Amino acid sequence: MSPALHQAARQARRAFRRLRARIEGLRQPKAASGSLQAKLQPMLANALTERQ
């Protein structure tokens, strides 16, 4: 694998890890228990990661 391709793959893996961490953060409701936001955050995260 060429050095440029290797570096691009590494950057893509890092970006993907950051994105997954952000989505996992959305799954963890930080809003008050029972609030609309607390109910919607996990549904949004599931919708974003759902395989079609």
Protein backbone atom coordinates (compact mmCIF):
# COMPACT_ATOMS: atom_id res chain seq x y z
CA MET A 1 0.00 0.00 0.00
CA SER A 2 1.39 3.41 -0.91
CA PRO A 3 2.19 5.81 1.95
CA ALA A 4 -0.47 8.28 0.80
CA LEU A 5 -3.12 5.57 0.66
CA HIS A 6 -2.05 4.24 4.06
CA GLN A 7 -2.33 7.74 5.57
CA ALA A 8 -5.74 8.32 3.99
CA ALA A 9 -7.00 5.00 5.37
CA ARG A 10 -5.73 5.90 8.84
CA GLN A 11 -7.44 9.31 8.71
CA ALA A 12 -10.68 7.69 7.56
CA ARG A 13 -10.56 5.20 10.45
CA ARG A 14 -9.98 8.04 12.93
CA ALA A 15 -12.85 10.07 11.49
CA PHE A 16 -15.13 7.04 11.64
CA ARG A 17 -14.18 6.42 15.29
CA ARG A 18 -14.96 10.05 16.15
CA LEU A 19 -18.32 9.81 14.39
CA ARG A 20 -19.20 6.59 16.21
CA ALA A 21 -18.26 8.16 19.54
CA ARG A 22 -20.49 11.14 18.79
CA ILE A 23 -23.42 8.90 17.86
CA GLU A 24 -22.90 6.83 21.02
CA GLY A 25 -23.00 10.09 22.96
CA LEU A 26 -26.39 10.83 21.46
CA ARG A 27 -27.62 7.43 22.63
CA GLN A 28 -26.91 8.41 26.22
CA PRO A 29 -29.63 10.88 27.22
CA LYS A 30 -28.14 13.77 29.18
CA ALA A 31 -31.48 15.53 29.53
CA ALA A 32 -33.78 15.28 32.53
CA SER A 33 -35.33 11.86 32.90
CA GLY A 34 -38.71 11.65 31.23
CA SER A 35 -38.20 14.81 29.16
CA LEU A 36 -38.96 14.85 25.46
CA GLN A 37 -35.25 15.32 24.68
CA ALA A 38 -34.33 12.27 26.77
CA LYS A 39 -36.87 10.21 24.82
CA LEU A 40 -35.85 11.47 21.38
CA GLN A 41 -32.05 11.23 21.64
CA PRO A 42 -31.86 7.39 21.63
CA MET A 43 -34.40 7.18 18.80
CA LEU A 44 -32.39 9.65 16.72
CA ALA A 45 -29.15 7.76 17.30
CA ASN A 46 -30.81 4.46 16.36
CA ALA A 47 -32.28 5.99 13.21
CA LEU A 48 -28.87 7.36 12.20
CA THR A 49 -27.15 4.01 12.63
CA GLU A 50 -29.92 1.76 11.28
CA ARG A 51 -28.89 -0.41 8.34
CA GLN A 52 -31.20 -0.19 5.38
